[in-house]
Protein backbone atom coordinates (compact mmCIF):
# COMPACT_ATOMS: atom_id res chain seq x y z
CA MET A 1 -23.06 -42.46 -48.70
CA ILE A 2 -19.51 -41.29 -47.90
CA LYS A 3 -18.87 -44.42 -45.84
CA GLU A 4 -19.98 -46.67 -48.70
CA TRP A 5 -17.83 -44.70 -51.18
CA ARG A 6 -14.79 -45.13 -48.96
CA ARG A 7 -15.48 -48.84 -48.63
CA ARG A 8 -15.68 -49.26 -52.42
CA ARG A 9 -12.41 -47.38 -52.86
CA ALA A 10 -10.75 -49.60 -50.26
CA LEU A 11 -12.01 -52.73 -52.04
CA GLN A 12 -10.44 -51.48 -55.29
CA ARG A 13 -7.03 -51.34 -53.60
CA VAL A 14 -6.99 -55.05 -52.76
CA GLU A 15 -4.26 -57.02 -54.54
CA PRO A 16 -3.84 -60.80 -54.67
CA GLY A 17 -1.34 -62.36 -52.28
CA ASP A 18 1.60 -64.54 -53.28
CA GLY A 19 0.81 -67.49 -51.02
CA ARG A 20 3.72 -66.94 -48.63
CA PRO A 21 3.30 -68.53 -45.17
CA LEU A 22 2.28 -66.47 -42.15
CA ILE A 23 5.26 -65.92 -39.84
CA ARG A 24 4.44 -66.45 -36.18
CA PHE A 25 4.60 -63.47 -33.87
CA ARG A 26 7.94 -62.80 -32.15
CA TRP A 27 8.30 -60.90 -28.87
CA TRP A 28 10.64 -58.31 -30.40
CA GLN A 29 7.89 -57.34 -32.88
CA LEU A 30 5.69 -55.97 -30.09
CA PRO A 31 6.27 -52.26 -30.91
CA PHE A 32 5.61 -52.44 -34.63
CA ARG A 33 3.44 -55.41 -35.58
CA ALA A 34 -0.28 -56.06 -35.16
CA LEU A 35 -1.75 -59.50 -35.83
CA PHE A 36 -5.45 -60.37 -35.59
CA HIS A 37 -7.40 -63.57 -36.35
CA LEU A 38 -10.90 -64.46 -37.53
CA ARG A 39 -12.48 -67.91 -37.88
CA LEU A 40 -15.32 -68.22 -40.37
CA THR A 41 -17.40 -71.21 -41.43
CA ASN A 42 -17.88 -71.77 -45.16
CA ASP A 43 -21.14 -72.84 -46.77
CA ASP A 44 -19.93 -76.44 -46.74
CA GLY A 45 -19.35 -76.26 -42.99
CA ARG A 46 -15.56 -76.20 -43.25
CA PRO A 47 -13.89 -73.60 -40.99
CA THR A 48 -11.43 -71.11 -42.47
CA VAL A 49 -9.01 -69.06 -40.38
CA TYR A 50 -8.13 -65.58 -41.59
CA ALA A 51 -5.33 -63.42 -40.19
CA VAL A 52 -4.65 -59.70 -40.66
CA ASP A 53 -0.98 -58.77 -40.35
CA VAL A 54 0.12 -55.11 -40.22
CA ARG A 55 3.72 -53.95 -39.74
CA HIS A 56 3.13 -50.34 -38.73
CA TRP A 57 5.73 -48.49 -36.65
CA SER A 58 8.63 -49.61 -38.85
CA ASN A 59 7.25 -47.69 -41.83
CA HIS A 60 4.43 -45.69 -40.29
CA ALA A 61 5.25 -42.53 -42.27
CA SER A 62 5.19 -44.40 -45.57
CA ASP A 63 2.27 -44.13 -47.97
CA ASN A 64 2.91 -47.78 -48.80
CA LEU A 65 1.84 -49.07 -45.40
CA LYS A 66 -0.15 -52.23 -46.09
CA ALA A 67 -2.31 -54.80 -44.38
CA HIS A 68 -1.80 -58.43 -45.38
CA LEU A 69 -4.65 -60.94 -45.28
CA TYR A 70 -3.79 -64.61 -44.72
CA ARG A 71 -6.18 -67.51 -45.26
CA ASP A 72 -5.35 -70.75 -43.46
CA GLY A 73 -1.77 -69.59 -42.96
CA ARG A 74 -1.08 -68.43 -46.53
CA GLN A 75 -1.06 -64.88 -47.85
CA HIS A 76 -4.37 -64.42 -49.66
CA ALA A 77 -4.48 -60.65 -50.34
CA MET A 78 -2.90 -57.32 -49.43
CA SER A 79 -3.96 -53.71 -49.56
CA LYS A 80 -2.80 -50.22 -48.71
CA LEU A 81 -4.51 -48.80 -45.65
CA PRO A 82 -7.31 -48.16 -45.02
CA ALA A 83 -8.13 -51.65 -46.24
CA ALA A 84 -11.33 -53.60 -46.89
CA PHE A 85 -10.92 -57.31 -47.66
CA PRO A 86 -13.90 -59.26 -49.05
CA VAL A 87 -14.41 -62.53 -47.18
CA PRO A 88 -17.36 -64.95 -47.02
CA GLY A 89 -20.38 -63.20 -45.59
CA GLY A 90 -18.89 -59.72 -45.39
CA THR A 91 -15.75 -57.61 -45.27
CA ILE A 92 -12.73 -57.23 -42.99
CA GLU A 93 -12.03 -53.52 -42.47
CA VAL A 94 -8.61 -52.32 -41.28
CA ARG A 95 -7.67 -48.72 -40.43
CA MET A 96 -4.72 -47.05 -38.73
CA SER A 97 -4.33 -44.06 -36.44
CA ALA A 98 -1.08 -42.32 -35.53
CA PHE A 99 -0.69 -44.69 -32.55
CA GLY A 100 -1.69 -48.09 -33.92
CA LEU A 101 -4.75 -49.80 -35.32
CA LYS A 102 -8.04 -48.08 -34.71
CA ARG A 103 -10.17 -50.63 -36.53
CA CYS A 104 -9.85 -54.32 -37.41
CA HIS A 105 -13.42 -55.56 -37.70
CA TYR A 106 -15.44 -58.12 -39.60
CA VAL A 107 -18.54 -56.41 -41.02
CA THR A 108 -21.27 -58.77 -42.23
CA ALA A 109 -23.47 -58.12 -45.24
CA GLU A 110 -26.27 -57.29 -42.79
CA GLY A 111 -24.13 -54.61 -41.11
CA ALA A 112 -23.20 -56.42 -37.88
CA GLU A 113 -19.63 -55.73 -36.69
CA TYR A 114 -17.22 -58.01 -34.82
CA GLN A 115 -13.70 -57.10 -33.77
CA LEU A 116 -11.09 -59.64 -34.80
CA VAL A 117 -9.25 -61.50 -32.04
CA PRO A 118 -5.70 -60.24 -31.42
CA ASP A 119 -2.86 -62.74 -31.48
CA PRO A 120 -2.09 -63.63 -27.83
CA HIS A 121 1.60 -62.81 -28.31
CA SER A 122 0.98 -59.33 -29.75
CA ALA A 123 0.75 -56.12 -27.72
CA GLU A 124 -2.99 -56.01 -28.42
CA GLY A 125 -3.33 -59.63 -27.31
CA ARG A 126 -1.43 -59.00 -24.08
CA ARG A 127 -3.66 -56.00 -23.36
CA ALA A 128 -6.75 -58.13 -23.99
CA ARG A 129 -5.39 -60.79 -21.61
CA LEU A 130 -4.97 -58.14 -18.93
CA GLU A 131 -8.58 -57.09 -19.46
CA ARG A 132 -9.79 -60.66 -19.03
CA GLY A 133 -7.54 -61.52 -16.10
CA GLN A 134 -7.66 -58.24 -14.16
CA PRO A 135 -10.74 -56.30 -15.26
CA ALA A 136 -10.52 -53.77 -12.42
CA LEU A 137 -6.94 -52.83 -13.31
CA SER A 138 -7.89 -52.73 -16.98
CA ARG A 139 -10.75 -50.30 -16.32
CA THR A 140 -8.45 -48.15 -14.20
CA LEU A 141 -5.90 -47.93 -17.01
CA GLY A 142 -8.62 -47.10 -19.49
CA LEU A 143 -10.02 -44.33 -17.31
CA LEU A 144 -6.52 -42.99 -16.69
CA SER A 145 -5.84 -42.83 -20.44
CA LEU A 146 -9.13 -41.05 -21.02
CA GLY A 147 -8.39 -38.59 -18.19
CA VAL A 148 -4.95 -37.78 -19.59
CA LEU A 149 -6.41 -37.02 -23.03
CA LEU A 150 -9.17 -34.85 -21.60
CA ALA A 151 -6.67 -32.95 -19.44
CA SER A 152 -4.27 -32.43 -22.35
CA LEU A 153 -7.11 -31.13 -24.49
CA ALA A 154 -8.12 -28.67 -21.76
CA LEU A 155 -4.51 -27.48 -21.37
CA LEU A 156 -3.56 -27.23 -25.01
CA ILE A 157 -6.65 -25.56 -26.45
CA PRO A 158 -6.16 -22.19 -24.70
CA GLN A 159 -2.43 -22.19 -25.50
CA SER A 160 -3.15 -22.96 -29.14
CA ALA A 161 -5.81 -20.23 -29.25
CA GLU A 162 -3.28 -17.70 -27.95
CA GLN A 163 -0.74 -18.63 -30.61
CA LEU A 164 -3.39 -18.50 -33.32
CA THR A 165 -4.72 -15.06 -32.38
CA LYS A 166 -1.22 -13.59 -32.26
CA ALA A 167 -1.24 -13.48 -36.06
CA GLU A 168 -1.89 -9.92 -37.20
CA GLY A 169 -4.56 -10.90 -39.71
CA ILE A 170 -6.60 -12.66 -37.05
CA ALA A 171 -5.84 -10.32 -34.14
CA HIS A 172 -7.16 -7.41 -36.20
CA TYR A 173 -10.65 -8.92 -36.10
CA THR A 174 -10.71 -10.92 -32.88
CA GLY A 175 -8.06 -9.36 -30.70
CA THR A 176 -5.35 -11.43 -29.04
CA PHE A 177 -6.49 -14.13 -26.66
CA ILE A 178 -4.33 -14.44 -23.54
CA SER A 179 -4.23 -18.01 -22.29
CA PRO A 180 -4.61 -18.43 -18.52
CA ILE A 181 -2.31 -21.45 -18.90
CA ASP A 182 1.30 -21.04 -19.97
CA LEU A 183 3.29 -24.25 -19.57
CA PRO A 184 7.08 -24.17 -19.97
CA TRP A 185 8.61 -26.17 -22.82
CA TRP A 186 9.35 -29.11 -20.56
CA GLY A 187 5.77 -29.09 -19.32
CA ASN A 188 4.42 -29.23 -22.88
CA THR A 189 6.94 -31.97 -23.70
CA ALA A 190 5.85 -34.06 -20.71
CA LEU A 191 2.22 -33.47 -21.62
CA GLY A 192 2.89 -34.59 -25.17
CA LEU A 193 4.58 -37.78 -24.01
CA ALA A 194 1.74 -38.55 -21.60
CA THR A 195 -0.80 -37.93 -24.35
CA ALA A 196 1.02 -40.21 -26.79
CA THR A 197 1.21 -42.93 -24.14
CA ALA A 198 -2.51 -42.64 -23.40
CA SER A 199 -3.46 -42.80 -27.08
CA THR A 200 -1.18 -45.80 -27.59
CA GLU A 201 -2.86 -47.61 -24.69
CA ARG A 202 -6.24 -46.90 -26.26
CA ALA A 203 -4.99 -48.12 -29.66
CA LEU A 204 -4.12 -51.47 -28.07
CA ARG A 205 -7.85 -51.80 -27.35
CA LEU A 206 -8.80 -50.38 -30.79
CA ARG A 207 -10.37 -47.36 -29.13
CA TYR A 208 -10.29 -44.14 -31.12
CA SER A 209 -11.85 -40.70 -30.89
CA ARG A 210 -11.22 -38.15 -33.62
CA LEU A 211 -11.36 -35.34 -31.03
CA LEU A 212 -9.17 -36.94 -28.34
CA ASP A 213 -6.82 -39.33 -30.13
CA GLY A 214 -6.89 -37.48 -33.43
CA GLY A 215 -6.02 -34.21 -31.71
CA SER A 216 -3.04 -35.86 -30.05
């Protein structure tokens, strides 16, 4: 029920596009632009190419962050994120995390889900090419990212618990927890950077866990 309510709210945020042409991906846009494509066949058999364009890191903190939907190279619609664009046969859903896109999927009316294809020149497209060309290296990077997030969670939870129970109102009832782990500031800084890097790598594959990536 909640999922359907969120989807209806997202559909209400969709605004018509102005027909501007889709600008091709440039190499210097790698850090802050995501571009995905979807080819659908209309009832008359004619193919239509949709593209989802999101400029994220340049205005990531803004509440006006939007996804733009292009149809056959022209802007068809736009919406604040999270977005849900109605297209023939279903909906294109777009959502962001703190490290990039966590969802860009075509959801059919029957409930089947298909991830859109990243533009080959984008960071997501380059990561997908690595996965196709060197699957062993790709799996290693994925496991490394997962390991970093699990390790950071194990290291940060006891330190956070110690800080939380130092408050007088809480310590009065629970006592003060003493963390067996006490990293120096530079250790926590390095851990934070490693965690951000791991979550960014996962975002390039549209992988997201509320516990691991959300906690980062």
